[in-house]
């Protein structure tokens, strides 16, 4: 979880170094291992890129950012991980690229040098990054298909600001945005949040998942947003249920395999549910000798306590378990820091359990964890989607099947 930060200004040159350094320091909790920033000035515009690094792939100084391509045309700040960087690296080597590091950042930069926007669908990972193209005099910001990694931006009369978090963006902005009262109203009355491009600050926006922005540095008004990814919902009828099941298993295992690529120790968040248990068991299946640290929240005394399932999985895979409990006093003591870390209002205090689990992982010097967050939806969620299923049946004119489905 690195932090990226930057701004572009095509007006009168100003010195932002002091406030910019302060803004980078606000991102240190995202990237405590390294920090850097670079200023680019040309033809009446200035551009600053900043980065705080959490070192996961290639822990050496060669992973430092901002990073520039060997041809010096491109510079990048990048938050995330490209899991298939080894495969992409081999393809790029066959095309004449050479590398001085083993970092996925350098692979991403070389991929952009080779394919530009066409490189994005080739990436398997979670990412937000901004690239400066000296030849085209533009910056391009990209966010992964599902918006796992954040990217906020704000446009003033002469400037464009971007960051992984809003507080650091506010620090470098020359204009202080006012509250977005509509977003606040939607949150307070309907519980809506993080549901679109608007944030709780007027003018500060999320770059939406699967989108990119492009800013022409020679013309402040030449700013555009483009969608680069669409989900495919095409139904495949040529394979049987068992074949589909085998395909899902293979895809799942392949994803776990590449997620295990790390130059630091790896752990797993284990809730005791099907998805996190599947992740942990797959880790052991793929790596029989890997030390696996699991981190679990225990809701002792609650009907929702899944400790017995957690214990079963830990015993089965011979994991090193770490358990976390908490009280209302703990929440009271931690609530301010939790809100600061989260950055925006959230839906419920269930997020506090995650906060404590990952806090425990950090105490045990585990930097990377795999977990099953969000996997419920892949297999129809907690409650399924009965209305969507019924609509699907009716669209195929299967009236008897629809009647049986409703009756059941």
Protein backbone atom coordinates (compact mmCIF):
# COMPACT_ATOMS: atom_id res chain seq x y z
CA UNK A 1 0.00 0.00 0.00
CA UNK A 2 2.12 2.88 -1.26
CA UNK A 3 1.06 6.51 -1.49
CA UNK A 4 1.16 8.69 -4.59
CA UNK A 5 0.79 12.44 -4.78
CA UNK A 6 1.23 15.16 -7.38
CA UNK A 7 0.04 18.29 -9.07
CA UNK A 8 0.27 20.10 -12.38
CA UNK A 9 0.20 23.89 -12.74
CA UNK A 10 0.36 25.75 -16.04
CA UNK A 11 0.23 29.25 -14.58
CA UNK A 12 2.93 31.34 -12.99
CA UNK A 13 5.69 29.17 -11.50
CA UNK A 14 5.38 28.85 -7.72
CA UNK A 15 7.41 27.12 -5.04
CA UNK A 16 5.41 24.27 -3.50
CA UNK A 17 8.34 22.30 -2.12
CA UNK A 18 7.64 22.92 1.59
CA UNK A 19 3.92 22.14 1.59
CA UNK A 20 4.50 19.29 -0.84
CA UNK A 21 6.97 17.65 1.52
CA UNK A 22 4.48 18.06 4.37
CA UNK A 23 1.79 16.48 2.19
CA UNK A 24 4.02 13.49 1.41
CA UNK A 25 4.60 13.04 5.15
CA UNK A 26 0.83 12.64 5.56
CA UNK A 27 1.13 9.51 3.38
CA UNK A 28 3.96 7.91 5.36
CA UNK A 29 1.61 5.42 7.01
CA UNK A 30 0.93 4.05 3.52
CA UNK A 31 4.61 3.75 2.65
CA UNK A 32 7.05 3.87 5.56
CA UNK A 33 10.03 2.31 3.74
CA UNK A 34 11.04 5.05 1.31
CA UNK A 35 10.01 8.49 0.15
CA UNK A 36 10.78 10.63 -2.86
CA UNK A 37 9.57 13.47 -5.02
CA UNK A 38 10.63 15.09 -8.26
CA UNK A 39 9.84 18.37 -9.99
CA UNK A 40 9.50 18.74 -13.75
CA UNK A 41 9.37 22.22 -15.33
CA UNK A 42 9.03 22.98 -19.03
CA UNK A 43 7.37 25.54 -21.30
CA UNK A 44 5.54 27.44 -18.58
CA UNK A 45 4.18 24.48 -16.63
CA UNK A 46 5.42 22.71 -13.55
CA UNK A 47 4.69 19.19 -12.43
CA UNK A 48 5.49 17.52 -9.11
CA UNK A 49 5.37 13.79 -8.43
CA UNK A 50 5.65 12.36 -4.91
CA UNK A 51 5.71 8.81 -3.55
CA UNK A 52 5.88 6.90 -0.27
CA UNK A 53 6.88 3.27 -0.64
CA UNK A 54 5.83 0.05 1.05
CA UNK A 55 8.51 -2.35 -0.21
CA UNK A 56 7.14 -5.73 -1.30
CA UNK A 57 8.76 -6.60 -4.65
CA UNK A 58 12.52 -5.90 -4.87
CA UNK A 59 13.36 -4.28 -1.56
CA UNK A 60 16.46 -2.58 -2.95
CA UNK A 61 17.00 1.11 -3.76
CA UNK A 62 16.25 0.30 -7.41
CA UNK A 63 12.53 0.26 -6.60
CA UNK A 64 12.63 3.95 -5.58
CA UNK A 65 9.96 6.25 -7.04
CA UNK A 66 9.30 8.49 -8.89
CA UNK A 67 10.90 6.23 -11.50
CA UNK A 68 11.82 7.17 -15.07
CA UNK A 69 12.10 4.93 -18.11
CA UNK A 70 15.48 4.20 -19.65
CA UNK A 71 14.56 6.33 -22.68
CA UNK A 72 13.65 9.19 -20.26
CA UNK A 73 10.32 9.76 -22.02
CA UNK A 74 8.17 8.48 -19.14
CA UNK A 75 8.14 8.96 -15.35
CA UNK A 76 5.76 7.18 -12.98
CA UNK A 77 4.38 7.11 -9.45
CA UNK A 78 2.64 3.82 -8.73
CA UNK A 79 0.59 2.37 -5.86
CA UNK A 80 -0.21 -1.33 -5.96
CA UNK A 81 1.21 -4.57 -7.25
CA UNK A 82 1.34 -6.13 -10.71
CA UNK A 83 1.08 -9.84 -9.96
CA UNK A 84 1.97 -11.06 -13.44
CA UNK A 85 5.08 -8.86 -13.65
CA UNK A 86 7.35 -11.88 -14.20
CA UNK A 87 5.44 -13.02 -17.30
CA UNK A 88 5.28 -9.45 -18.64
CA UNK A 89 8.99 -8.97 -17.94
CA UNK A 90 9.86 -12.03 -20.03
CA UNK A 91 7.73 -10.77 -22.93
CA UNK A 92 9.36 -7.33 -22.74
CA UNK A 93 12.87 -8.84 -22.65
CA UNK A 94 12.03 -10.72 -25.86
CA UNK A 95 11.13 -7.34 -27.36
CA UNK A 96 14.52 -5.85 -26.49
CA UNK A 97 13.85 -4.28 -23.09
CA UNK A 98 16.41 -4.70 -20.34
CA UNK A 99 15.98 -4.16 -16.62
CA UNK A 100 18.19 -2.98 -13.82
CA UNK A 101 15.82 -4.07 -11.03
CA UNK A 102 13.44 -6.88 -10.18
CA UNK A 103 10.59 -4.49 -9.33
CA UNK A 104 7.12 -4.65 -10.80
CA UNK A 105 7.23 -0.84 -11.11
CA UNK A 106 9.98 -1.03 -13.71
CA UNK A 107 8.02 -3.71 -15.57
CA UNK A 108 4.94 -1.45 -15.57
CA UNK A 109 7.01 1.46 -16.87
CA UNK A 110 8.54 -0.67 -19.63
CA UNK A 111 5.11 -2.07 -20.54
CA UNK A 112 3.82 1.49 -20.95
CA UNK A 113 6.87 2.36 -23.08
CA UNK A 114 6.06 -0.60 -25.33
CA UNK A 115 2.26 -0.52 -25.54
CA UNK A 116 1.02 2.74 -23.89
CA UNK A 117 -2.72 2.44 -23.07
CA UNK A 118 -2.87 -1.03 -24.58
CA UNK A 119 -0.70 -2.22 -21.70
CA UNK A 120 -3.46 -1.69 -19.12
CA UNK A 121 -5.62 -4.76 -19.95
CA UNK A 122 -2.45 -6.89 -19.83
CA UNK A 123 -1.98 -6.09 -16.14
CA UNK A 124 -3.13 -8.54 -13.48
CA UNK A 125 -3.10 -6.69 -10.23
CA UNK A 126 -4.41 -3.85 -8.12
CA UNK A 127 -3.11 -0.44 -9.01
CA UNK A 128 -3.40 3.27 -9.35
CA UNK A 129 -0.63 5.11 -11.12
CA UNK A 130 0.12 8.39 -12.88
CA UNK A 131 2.55 8.62 -15.81
CA UNK A 132 4.22 11.72 -17.20
CA UNK A 133 4.83 11.58 -20.97
CA UNK A 134 7.46 14.16 -21.88
CA UNK A 135 7.01 13.72 -25.63
CA UNK A 136 3.24 14.12 -25.63
CA UNK A 137 3.39 16.65 -22.76
CA UNK A 138 0.64 14.91 -20.83
CA UNK A 139 -0.04 13.03 -17.63
CA UNK A 140 -2.21 9.90 -17.55
CA UNK A 141 -3.80 8.59 -14.34
CA UNK A 142 -5.08 5.01 -14.26
CA UNK A 143 -7.14 3.06 -11.72
CA UNK A 144 -7.61 -0.73 -11.65
CA UNK A 145 -10.78 -2.38 -12.90
CA UNK A 146 -12.41 -2.80 -9.48
CA UNK A 147 -11.05 0.34 -7.81
CA UNK A 148 -9.06 -1.57 -5.20
CA UNK A 149 -6.46 1.18 -5.09
CA UNK A 150 -7.72 4.76 -4.57
CA UNK A 151 -7.00 7.78 -6.74
CA UNK A 152 -8.50 11.19 -5.89
CA UNK A 153 -8.16 14.30 -8.01
CA UNK A 154 -9.14 17.97 -7.85
CA UNK A 155 -9.14 20.62 -10.56
CA UNK A 156 -8.80 24.32 -9.81
CA UNK A 157 -8.58 27.18 -12.32
CA UNK A 158 -4.94 26.55 -13.20
CA UNK A 159 -4.05 23.27 -11.53
CA UNK A 160 -4.77 19.56 -11.32
CA UNK A 161 -4.01 17.76 -8.05
CA UNK A 162 -4.06 14.01 -7.39
CA UNK A 163 -3.38 11.76 -4.41
CA UNK A 164 -4.04 8.40 -2.80
CA UNK A 165 -5.73 10.21 0.09
CA UNK A 166 -7.73 13.40 0.50
CA UNK A 167 -5.81 14.95 3.46
CA UNK A 168 -2.55 15.11 1.49
CA UNK A 169 -4.43 16.48 -1.53
CA UNK A 170 -5.92 19.25 0.62
CA UNK A 171 -2.46 20.08 1.93
CA UNK A 172 -1.08 20.97 -1.51
CA UNK A 173 -4.22 22.50 -2.99
CA UNK A 174 -4.14 26.28 -3.36
CA UNK A 175 -7.94 26.37 -2.97
CA UNK A 176 -9.74 24.70 -0.10
CA UNK A 177 -12.87 22.85 -1.30
CA UNK A 178 -16.09 23.18 0.69
CA UNK A 179 -18.13 20.21 1.93
CA UNK A 180 -20.24 18.33 -0.60
CA UNK A 181 -23.59 18.58 1.15
CA UNK A 182 -25.38 16.22 -1.26
CA UNK A 183 -22.88 13.43 -0.57
CA UNK A 184 -23.21 14.08 3.17
CA UNK A 185 -27.02 14.01 2.90
CA UNK A 186 -26.99 10.73 0.94
CA UNK A 187 -24.72 9.19 3.57
CA UNK A 188 -26.73 10.37 6.58
CA UNK A 189 -30.17 9.53 5.18
CA UNK A 190 -29.53 6.42 3.09
CA UNK A 191 -26.12 5.15 4.14
CA UNK A 192 -24.70 5.73 0.65
CA UNK A 193 -20.96 6.30 0.38
CA UNK A 194 -18.21 5.62 -2.15
CA UNK A 195 -20.98 5.06 -4.71
CA UNK A 196 -19.73 7.28 -7.52
CA UNK A 197 -17.14 9.86 -8.44
CA UNK A 198 -18.18 12.42 -5.82
CA UNK A 199 -16.55 12.56 -2.38
CA UNK A 200 -17.49 14.45 0.78
CA UNK A 201 -15.60 17.49 -0.59
CA UNK A 202 -17.01 19.63 -3.38
CA UNK A 203 -14.84 19.25 -6.47
CA UNK A 204 -12.66 16.42 -5.15
CA UNK A 205 -13.50 13.28 -7.09
CA UNK A 206 -12.64 9.61 -7.21
CA UNK A 207 -11.27 8.42 -10.50
CA UNK A 208 -13.83 5.68 -11.04
CA UNK A 209 -12.77 2.01 -11.20
CA UNK A 210 -11.67 0.93 -14.67
CA UNK A 211 -11.13 4.52 -15.81
CA UNK A 212 -8.20 6.75 -16.72
CA UNK A 213 -7.74 10.48 -17.01
CA UNK A 214 -5.51 12.38 -19.42
CA UNK A 215 -4.33 15.95 -18.87
CA UNK A 216 -2.67 17.93 -21.64
CA UNK A 217 0.06 19.97 -19.95
CA UNK A 218 0.11 22.57 -22.70
CA UNK A 219 -3.61 23.26 -22.30
CA UNK A 220 -5.19 23.14 -18.83
CA UNK A 221 -8.69 22.82 -20.34
CA UNK A 222 -7.73 19.70 -22.32
CA UNK A 223 -8.69 17.16 -19.66
CA UNK A 224 -10.56 13.95 -20.44
CA UNK A 225 -11.71 10.78 -18.70
CA UNK A 226 -11.95 7.45 -20.48
CA UNK A 227 -13.22 4.06 -19.45
CA UNK A 228 -10.72 1.30 -20.25
CA UNK A 229 -12.50 -1.76 -18.78
CA UNK A 230 -15.98 -3.26 -19.07
CA UNK A 231 -17.14 -6.45 -17.35
CA UNK A 232 -18.23 -9.32 -19.57
CA UNK A 233 -21.54 -10.93 -18.60
CA UNK A 234 -21.79 -13.20 -21.61
CA UNK A 235 -23.21 -16.57 -20.61
CA UNK A 236 -21.11 -19.56 -21.64
CA UNK A 237 -23.27 -22.59 -22.38
CA UNK A 238 -20.73 -24.80 -24.15
CA UNK A 239 -19.35 -26.34 -20.95
CA UNK A 240 -20.97 -28.46 -18.25
CA UNK A 241 -21.38 -27.47 -14.60
CA UNK A 242 -18.53 -29.79 -13.61
CA UNK A 243 -16.27 -28.27 -16.26
CA UNK A 244 -17.15 -24.80 -15.05
CA UNK A 245 -16.37 -25.89 -11.49
CA UNK A 246 -12.95 -27.17 -12.54
CA UNK A 247 -12.26 -23.96 -14.44
CA UNK A 248 -13.16 -21.86 -11.40
CA UNK A 249 -10.86 -23.95 -9.21
CA UNK A 250 -7.95 -23.57 -11.63
CA UNK A 251 -8.50 -19.80 -11.97
CA UNK A 252 -8.71 -19.47 -8.19
CA UNK A 253 -5.50 -21.44 -7.59
CA UNK A 254 -3.65 -19.53 -10.30
CA UNK A 255 -4.63 -16.24 -8.69
CA UNK A 256 -3.47 -17.42 -5.27
CA UNK A 257 -0.19 -18.56 -6.85
CA UNK A 258 0.66 -15.17 -8.32
CA UNK A 259 -0.59 -13.33 -5.20
CA UNK A 260 2.05 -15.24 -3.24
CA UNK A 261 4.82 -13.41 -5.13
CA UNK A 262 6.50 -11.30 -2.49
CA UNK A 263 9.96 -10.51 -1.17
CA UNK A 264 8.56 -10.16 2.36
CA UNK A 265 6.75 -12.63 4.59
CA UNK A 266 3.11 -13.34 3.77
CA UNK A 267 0.17 -14.00 6.06
CA UNK A 268 -3.58 -14.33 5.70
CA UNK A 269 -6.69 -12.84 7.28
CA UNK A 270 -8.81 -15.81 8.37
CA UNK A 271 -12.41 -15.21 9.44
CA UNK A 272 -13.51 -18.85 9.38
CA UNK A 273 -15.83 -18.29 6.43
CA UNK A 274 -15.68 -20.19 3.15
CA UNK A 275 -13.75 -17.59 1.17
CA UNK A 276 -10.91 -16.85 3.61
CA UNK A 277 -10.67 -20.55 4.48
CA UNK A 278 -10.37 -21.37 0.78
CA UNK A 279 -7.57 -18.81 0.43
CA UNK A 280 -5.59 -20.21 3.37
CA UNK A 281 -6.04 -23.84 2.29
CA UNK A 282 -5.00 -22.95 -1.26
CA UNK A 283 -1.86 -21.28 0.07
CA UNK A 284 -0.92 -24.53 1.78
CA UNK A 285 -1.88 -26.59 -1.29
CA UNK A 286 0.44 -24.52 -3.48
CA UNK A 287 3.26 -24.05 -0.94
CA UNK A 288 3.56 -27.14 1.33
CA UNK A 289 6.51 -25.69 3.27
CA UNK A 290 5.44 -22.03 3.48
CA UNK A 291 5.12 -20.67 7.04
CA UNK A 292 1.55 -19.32 7.12
CA UNK A 293 0.60 -16.74 9.74
CA UNK A 294 -3.16 -16.28 10.08
CA UNK A 295 -4.86 -13.34 11.77
CA UNK A 296 -8.40 -13.62 13.06
CA UNK A 297 -10.95 -11.54 14.92
CA UNK A 298 -12.67 -13.55 17.65
CA UNK A 299 -16.17 -12.39 18.60
CA UNK A 300 -16.12 -14.26 21.89
CA UNK A 301 -19.52 -14.58 23.57
CA UNK A 302 -21.35 -13.78 20.34
CA UNK A 303 -23.54 -16.09 18.24
CA UNK A 304 -21.41 -14.92 15.30
CA UNK A 305 -18.20 -16.31 16.81
CA UNK A 306 -16.50 -18.50 14.18
CA UNK A 307 -13.48 -19.48 16.28
CA UNK A 308 -14.11 -23.22 15.96
CA UNK A 309 -13.93 -22.95 12.16
CA UNK A 310 -10.80 -20.82 12.41
CA UNK A 311 -9.20 -23.47 14.62
CA UNK A 312 -10.13 -26.25 12.19
CA UNK A 313 -8.48 -24.48 9.26
CA UNK A 314 -5.36 -23.55 11.26
CA UNK A 315 -4.97 -27.15 12.38
CA UNK A 316 -5.53 -28.51 8.87
CA UNK A 317 -2.84 -26.32 7.26
CA UNK A 318 -0.50 -26.20 10.28
CA UNK A 319 -0.67 -22.41 10.40
CA UNK A 320 0.71 -20.04 13.01
CA UNK A 321 -2.46 -18.47 14.45
CA UNK A 322 -2.84 -14.96 15.84
CA UNK A 323 -6.16 -14.00 17.39
CA UNK A 324 -7.56 -10.58 18.18
CA UNK A 325 -10.33 -9.68 20.62
CA UNK A 326 -11.61 -6.23 21.47
CA UNK A 327 -13.95 -4.38 23.77
CA UNK A 328 -16.08 -1.27 23.53
CA UNK A 329 -13.31 0.57 25.38
CA UNK A 330 -10.85 -0.42 22.63
CA UNK A 331 -13.15 1.06 20.01
CA UNK A 332 -13.54 4.22 22.05
CA UNK A 333 -9.76 4.59 22.31
CA UNK A 334 -9.10 3.83 18.64
CA UNK A 335 -12.03 5.54 16.91
CA UNK A 336 -10.22 8.80 16.06
CA UNK A 337 -7.24 7.01 14.53
CA UNK A 338 -9.57 4.59 12.70
CA UNK A 339 -11.43 7.52 11.12
CA UNK A 340 -8.16 9.19 10.13
CA UNK A 341 -6.85 6.01 8.52
CA UNK A 342 -10.10 5.32 6.67
CA UNK A 343 -10.21 8.87 5.31
CA UNK A 344 -13.98 8.96 4.69
CA UNK A 345 -17.13 7.94 6.59
CA UNK A 346 -17.90 4.22 6.44
CA UNK A 347 -20.91 1.97 6.72
CA UNK A 348 -20.50 0.19 10.04
CA UNK A 349 -18.02 -0.57 12.81
CA UNK A 350 -17.32 -4.01 11.30
CA UNK A 351 -14.38 -2.28 9.65
CA UNK A 352 -12.86 -1.95 13.12
CA UNK A 353 -12.35 -5.72 13.26
CA UNK A 354 -10.26 -5.48 10.08
CA UNK A 355 -8.35 -2.55 11.56
CA UNK A 356 -7.37 -4.61 14.62
CA UNK A 357 -6.53 -7.70 12.56
CA UNK A 358 -4.13 -5.78 10.32
CA UNK A 359 -2.71 -3.92 13.31
CA UNK A 360 -1.86 -7.32 14.79
CA UNK A 361 -0.26 -8.42 11.52
CA UNK A 362 1.97 -5.33 11.59
CA UNK A 363 2.99 -6.11 15.17
CA UNK A 364 4.11 -9.55 13.97
CA UNK A 365 6.10 -7.98 11.08
CA UNK A 366 3.79 -9.43 8.44
CA UNK A 367 3.58 -6.85 5.66
CA UNK A 368 1.41 -8.71 3.11
CA UNK A 369 -1.78 -10.62 3.83
CA UNK A 370 -4.19 -12.43 1.56
CA UNK A 371 -7.87 -12.42 2.47
CA UNK A 372 -11.30 -13.20 1.09
CA UNK A 373 -12.73 -9.69 1.28
CA UNK A 374 -15.42 -9.26 -1.38
CA UNK A 375 -15.40 -12.90 -2.47
CA UNK A 376 -18.96 -13.55 -1.27
CA UNK A 377 -20.36 -11.63 -4.23
CA UNK A 378 -18.50 -13.86 -6.70
CA UNK A 379 -20.62 -16.84 -5.59
CA UNK A 380 -23.93 -14.96 -5.26
CA UNK A 381 -23.31 -13.24 -1.93
CA UNK A 382 -24.83 -13.85 1.49
CA UNK A 383 -28.43 -13.69 0.31
CA UNK A 384 -28.13 -14.53 -3.36
CA UNK A 385 -29.82 -12.47 -6.05
CA UNK A 386 -33.33 -13.98 -6.33
CA UNK A 387 -34.81 -11.06 -8.29
CA UNK A 388 -31.99 -11.20 -10.85
CA UNK A 389 -32.29 -14.97 -11.10
CA UNK A 390 -36.05 -14.75 -11.67
CA UNK A 391 -35.55 -12.06 -14.32
CA UNK A 392 -33.01 -14.29 -16.07
CA UNK A 393 -35.42 -17.24 -16.14
CA UNK A 394 -38.30 -15.11 -17.43
CA UNK A 395 -36.10 -13.60 -20.17
CA UNK A 396 -35.69 -17.15 -21.49
CA UNK A 397 -39.48 -17.71 -21.45
CA UNK A 398 -39.14 -20.59 -18.98
CA UNK A 399 -42.47 -19.97 -17.29
CA UNK A 400 -42.76 -23.30 -15.46
CA UNK A 401 -39.22 -23.01 -14.11
CA UNK A 402 -39.99 -19.45 -12.98
CA UNK A 403 -43.11 -20.69 -11.15
CA UNK A 404 -41.11 -23.44 -9.40
CA UNK A 405 -38.40 -20.96 -8.44
CA UNK A 406 -40.94 -18.57 -6.92
CA UNK A 407 -42.71 -21.38 -5.09
CA UNK A 408 -39.46 -22.60 -3.56
